[in-house]
N, C-alpha and C. Protein backbone atom coordinates (compact mmCIF):
# COMPACT_ATOMS: atom_id res chain seq x y z
N MET A 1 -14.65 8.39 67.27
CA MET A 1 -13.41 8.48 66.52
C MET A 1 -13.39 7.36 65.49
N ASN A 2 -12.55 7.51 64.48
CA ASN A 2 -12.54 6.55 63.39
C ASN A 2 -11.31 5.65 63.47
N ALA A 3 -11.14 4.82 62.46
CA ALA A 3 -10.05 3.84 62.47
C ALA A 3 -8.69 4.51 62.38
N SER A 4 -8.59 5.67 61.78
CA SER A 4 -7.29 6.32 61.69
C SER A 4 -6.82 6.78 63.07
N ALA A 5 -7.73 7.07 63.98
CA ALA A 5 -7.34 7.44 65.34
C ALA A 5 -6.66 6.26 66.03
N TRP A 6 -7.12 5.05 65.76
CA TRP A 6 -6.49 3.86 66.32
C TRP A 6 -5.04 3.74 65.84
N GLN A 7 -4.82 4.02 64.56
CA GLN A 7 -3.47 3.95 64.01
C GLN A 7 -2.58 5.05 64.58
N ILE A 8 -3.14 6.23 64.80
CA ILE A 8 -2.37 7.33 65.37
C ILE A 8 -1.94 6.99 66.79
N ILE A 9 -2.85 6.43 67.57
CA ILE A 9 -2.52 6.08 68.95
C ILE A 9 -1.42 5.03 68.98
N ARG A 10 -1.49 4.05 68.09
CA ARG A 10 -0.44 3.03 68.05
C ARG A 10 0.89 3.62 67.62
N ALA A 11 0.87 4.58 66.71
CA ALA A 11 2.10 5.19 66.23
C ALA A 11 2.74 6.09 67.27
N VAL A 12 1.94 6.70 68.12
CA VAL A 12 2.45 7.67 69.09
C VAL A 12 2.90 7.01 70.39
N ARG A 13 2.45 5.80 70.65
CA ARG A 13 2.73 5.14 71.93
C ARG A 13 4.22 5.02 72.21
N GLY A 14 5.00 4.55 71.27
CA GLY A 14 6.44 4.36 71.48
C GLY A 14 7.17 5.67 71.76
N PRO A 15 7.00 6.69 70.91
CA PRO A 15 7.68 7.95 71.19
C PRO A 15 7.29 8.58 72.52
N VAL A 16 6.02 8.47 72.91
CA VAL A 16 5.59 9.06 74.20
C VAL A 16 6.26 8.30 75.35
N LEU A 17 6.36 6.99 75.25
CA LEU A 17 7.04 6.22 76.30
C LEU A 17 8.53 6.59 76.37
N LEU A 18 9.14 6.81 75.21
CA LEU A 18 10.54 7.18 75.19
C LEU A 18 10.76 8.57 75.79
N ILE A 19 9.87 9.52 75.50
CA ILE A 19 9.97 10.86 76.08
C ILE A 19 9.75 10.79 77.59
N THR A 20 8.80 9.98 78.02
CA THR A 20 8.55 9.82 79.46
C THR A 20 9.78 9.24 80.15
N PHE A 21 10.38 8.23 79.54
CA PHE A 21 11.58 7.61 80.11
C PHE A 21 12.72 8.63 80.19
N GLY A 22 12.90 9.41 79.13
CA GLY A 22 13.95 10.43 79.13
C GLY A 22 13.71 11.49 80.19
N SER A 23 12.46 11.88 80.36
CA SER A 23 12.14 12.87 81.39
C SER A 23 12.42 12.33 82.79
N LEU A 24 12.07 11.07 83.02
CA LEU A 24 12.33 10.47 84.32
C LEU A 24 13.84 10.35 84.58
N MET A 25 14.60 10.04 83.52
CA MET A 25 16.05 9.96 83.68
C MET A 25 16.65 11.34 83.96
N ALA A 26 16.11 12.38 83.30
CA ALA A 26 16.60 13.74 83.54
C ALA A 26 16.30 14.17 84.98
N LEU A 27 15.11 13.87 85.46
CA LEU A 27 14.77 14.19 86.85
C LEU A 27 15.66 13.43 87.83
N ASN A 28 15.99 12.20 87.49
CA ASN A 28 16.88 11.41 88.33
C ASN A 28 18.28 12.01 88.33
N HIS A 29 18.74 12.45 87.16
CA HIS A 29 20.08 13.02 87.05
C HIS A 29 20.20 14.35 87.79
N MET A 30 19.12 15.11 87.84
CA MET A 30 19.13 16.40 88.55
C MET A 30 18.85 16.22 90.04
N ASP A 31 18.71 15.00 90.49
CA ASP A 31 18.42 14.69 91.89
C ASP A 31 17.10 15.30 92.37
N LYS A 32 16.13 15.46 91.45
CA LYS A 32 14.80 15.95 91.82
C LYS A 32 13.94 14.78 92.31
N LEU A 33 13.89 13.72 91.51
CA LEU A 33 13.15 12.51 91.86
C LEU A 33 14.02 11.31 91.51
N SER A 34 14.00 10.30 92.34
CA SER A 34 14.80 9.11 92.02
C SER A 34 14.00 8.19 91.09
N PHE A 35 14.73 7.57 90.16
CA PHE A 35 14.08 6.68 89.19
C PHE A 35 13.47 5.47 89.90
N GLU A 36 14.04 5.07 91.02
CA GLU A 36 13.51 3.93 91.75
C GLU A 36 12.09 4.16 92.23
N ARG A 37 11.73 5.43 92.40
CA ARG A 37 10.37 5.76 92.86
C ARG A 37 9.43 6.11 91.72
N THR A 38 9.97 6.50 90.55
CA THR A 38 9.11 7.00 89.48
C THR A 38 8.95 6.03 88.31
N TRP A 39 9.64 4.90 88.27
CA TRP A 39 9.52 4.01 87.13
C TRP A 39 8.11 3.48 86.90
N PRO A 40 7.24 3.36 87.91
CA PRO A 40 5.87 2.90 87.62
C PRO A 40 5.10 3.84 86.70
N ILE A 41 5.56 5.08 86.55
CA ILE A 41 4.89 6.00 85.61
C ILE A 41 4.93 5.43 84.20
N LEU A 42 6.02 4.75 83.84
CA LEU A 42 6.11 4.14 82.51
C LEU A 42 5.02 3.10 82.30
N ILE A 43 4.75 2.31 83.34
CA ILE A 43 3.70 1.29 83.24
C ILE A 43 2.33 1.96 83.13
N ILE A 44 2.14 3.04 83.86
CA ILE A 44 0.86 3.76 83.82
C ILE A 44 0.63 4.36 82.43
N VAL A 45 1.67 4.99 81.86
CA VAL A 45 1.53 5.59 80.52
C VAL A 45 1.24 4.50 79.48
N TYR A 46 1.93 3.37 79.58
CA TYR A 46 1.68 2.26 78.66
C TYR A 46 0.24 1.76 78.80
N GLY A 47 -0.23 1.63 80.02
CA GLY A 47 -1.60 1.17 80.25
C GLY A 47 -2.64 2.14 79.71
N VAL A 48 -2.38 3.44 79.84
CA VAL A 48 -3.32 4.43 79.29
C VAL A 48 -3.42 4.28 77.78
N PHE A 49 -2.28 4.09 77.12
CA PHE A 49 -2.32 3.92 75.66
C PHE A 49 -3.02 2.63 75.26
N LYS A 50 -2.82 1.56 76.02
CA LYS A 50 -3.53 0.32 75.70
C LYS A 50 -5.04 0.47 75.89
N LEU A 51 -5.45 1.21 76.92
CA LEU A 51 -6.88 1.46 77.11
C LEU A 51 -7.45 2.29 75.95
N LEU A 52 -6.70 3.30 75.52
CA LEU A 52 -7.17 4.10 74.39
C LEU A 52 -7.29 3.25 73.12
N GLU A 53 -6.33 2.35 72.91
CA GLU A 53 -6.42 1.45 71.74
C GLU A 53 -7.65 0.57 71.81
N ARG A 54 -7.96 0.05 73.00
CA ARG A 54 -9.12 -0.82 73.15
C ARG A 54 -10.42 -0.07 72.94
N MET A 55 -10.43 1.23 73.29
CA MET A 55 -11.65 2.01 73.12
C MET A 55 -11.91 2.38 71.66
N MET A 56 -10.85 2.43 70.86
CA MET A 56 -11.01 2.77 69.45
C MET A 56 -11.38 1.52 68.66
N ALA A 57 -12.02 1.74 67.54
CA ALA A 57 -12.37 0.62 66.66
C ALA A 57 -11.16 0.27 65.81
N ARG A 58 -10.82 -0.99 65.78
CA ARG A 58 -9.71 -1.44 64.95
C ARG A 58 -10.14 -1.39 63.48
N PRO A 59 -9.24 -0.95 62.58
CA PRO A 59 -9.62 -0.89 61.17
C PRO A 59 -9.96 -2.28 60.63
N VAL A 60 -10.99 -2.33 59.83
CA VAL A 60 -11.44 -3.59 59.25
C VAL A 60 -10.60 -3.89 58.01
N PRO A 61 -10.00 -5.08 57.91
CA PRO A 61 -9.20 -5.38 56.73
C PRO A 61 -10.10 -5.54 55.50
N PRO A 62 -9.57 -5.26 54.32
CA PRO A 62 -10.39 -5.41 53.12
C PRO A 62 -10.75 -6.88 52.89
N THR A 63 -11.89 -7.12 52.29
CA THR A 63 -12.35 -8.48 52.05
C THR A 63 -11.99 -8.91 50.63
N TRP A 64 -11.94 -10.20 50.42
CA TRP A 64 -11.68 -10.73 49.09
C TRP A 64 -12.94 -10.60 48.25
N PRO A 65 -12.78 -10.47 46.94
CA PRO A 65 -13.97 -10.40 46.08
C PRO A 65 -14.79 -11.69 46.18
N GLN A 66 -16.08 -11.54 46.08
CA GLN A 66 -16.97 -12.69 46.16
C GLN A 66 -16.91 -13.50 44.86
N ALA A 67 -17.41 -14.73 44.92
CA ALA A 67 -17.44 -15.58 43.73
C ALA A 67 -18.31 -14.94 42.67
N GLY A 68 -17.88 -15.00 41.45
CA GLY A 68 -18.64 -14.41 40.35
C GLY A 68 -18.29 -12.95 40.11
N TYR A 69 -17.32 -12.42 40.82
CA TYR A 69 -16.93 -11.02 40.65
C TYR A 69 -16.16 -10.86 39.35
N THR A 70 -16.54 -9.88 38.57
CA THR A 70 -15.81 -9.58 37.33
C THR A 70 -15.26 -8.16 37.44
N PRO A 71 -13.97 -7.99 37.22
CA PRO A 71 -13.40 -6.65 37.32
C PRO A 71 -13.93 -5.74 36.22
N GLN A 72 -13.91 -4.46 36.47
CA GLN A 72 -14.42 -3.48 35.51
C GLN A 72 -13.39 -3.08 34.47
N TYR A 73 -12.21 -3.61 34.54
CA TYR A 73 -11.15 -3.27 33.61
C TYR A 73 -10.61 -4.55 33.00
N PRO A 74 -9.99 -4.47 31.83
CA PRO A 74 -9.46 -5.69 31.22
C PRO A 74 -8.22 -6.16 31.98
N PRO A 75 -7.93 -7.45 31.95
CA PRO A 75 -6.74 -7.95 32.64
C PRO A 75 -5.47 -7.39 32.01
N TYR A 76 -4.41 -7.40 32.77
CA TYR A 76 -3.14 -6.84 32.32
C TYR A 76 -2.57 -7.68 31.18
N GLN A 77 -2.18 -7.02 30.12
CA GLN A 77 -1.53 -7.66 28.99
C GLN A 77 -0.12 -7.07 28.88
N PRO A 78 0.91 -7.89 28.97
CA PRO A 78 2.25 -7.33 28.84
C PRO A 78 2.47 -6.81 27.42
N PRO A 79 3.28 -5.79 27.29
CA PRO A 79 3.52 -5.25 25.95
C PRO A 79 4.28 -6.26 25.09
N PRO A 80 4.08 -6.21 23.77
CA PRO A 80 4.79 -7.16 22.89
C PRO A 80 6.28 -6.85 22.89
N PRO A 81 7.11 -7.86 22.65
CA PRO A 81 8.55 -7.61 22.64
C PRO A 81 8.90 -6.67 21.49
N PRO A 82 9.91 -5.85 21.69
CA PRO A 82 10.27 -4.90 20.63
C PRO A 82 10.87 -5.64 19.44
N THR A 83 10.55 -5.15 18.28
CA THR A 83 11.12 -5.74 17.06
C THR A 83 12.33 -4.91 16.68
N THR A 84 13.42 -5.57 16.40
CA THR A 84 14.64 -4.86 16.02
C THR A 84 14.70 -4.79 14.50
N GLN A 85 14.89 -3.62 14.00
CA GLN A 85 15.03 -3.44 12.56
C GLN A 85 16.44 -2.89 12.30
N TYR A 86 17.14 -3.59 11.49
CA TYR A 86 18.50 -3.18 11.16
C TYR A 86 18.44 -2.26 9.95
N PRO A 87 19.29 -1.27 9.89
CA PRO A 87 19.28 -0.35 8.75
C PRO A 87 19.71 -1.07 7.47
N GLN A 88 19.15 -0.66 6.36
CA GLN A 88 19.48 -1.24 5.07
C GLN A 88 20.79 -0.62 4.58
N GLY A 89 21.55 -1.42 3.91
CA GLY A 89 22.82 -0.94 3.36
C GLY A 89 23.96 -1.27 4.29
N GLY A 90 25.02 -0.60 4.13
CA GLY A 90 26.20 -0.85 4.94
C GLY A 90 27.44 -0.84 4.09
N ALA A 91 28.50 -1.36 4.56
CA ALA A 91 29.77 -1.38 3.82
C ALA A 91 29.67 -2.38 2.68
N GLN A 92 30.17 -1.98 1.50
CA GLN A 92 30.11 -2.89 0.35
C GLN A 92 31.44 -3.09 -0.24
């Protein structure tokens, strides 16, 4: 897998934990399973996501240009200030 998979796993971890928590609360509310017995599932889900993150390669940050690097484009030049021209003539 590539670096974007690492970012996807990090982005999905929070919503999956929230859905798991909501499901456990719904089961508790319906008296199917008590939350006191099922809360370790949250820790297990979190641990699975951390293991998946560790297995993926973290994206490499971009490096600074080396000494002697010359850009292929000219440096930015701000545009010249506008010149105001007043119309000739007027009230006489």
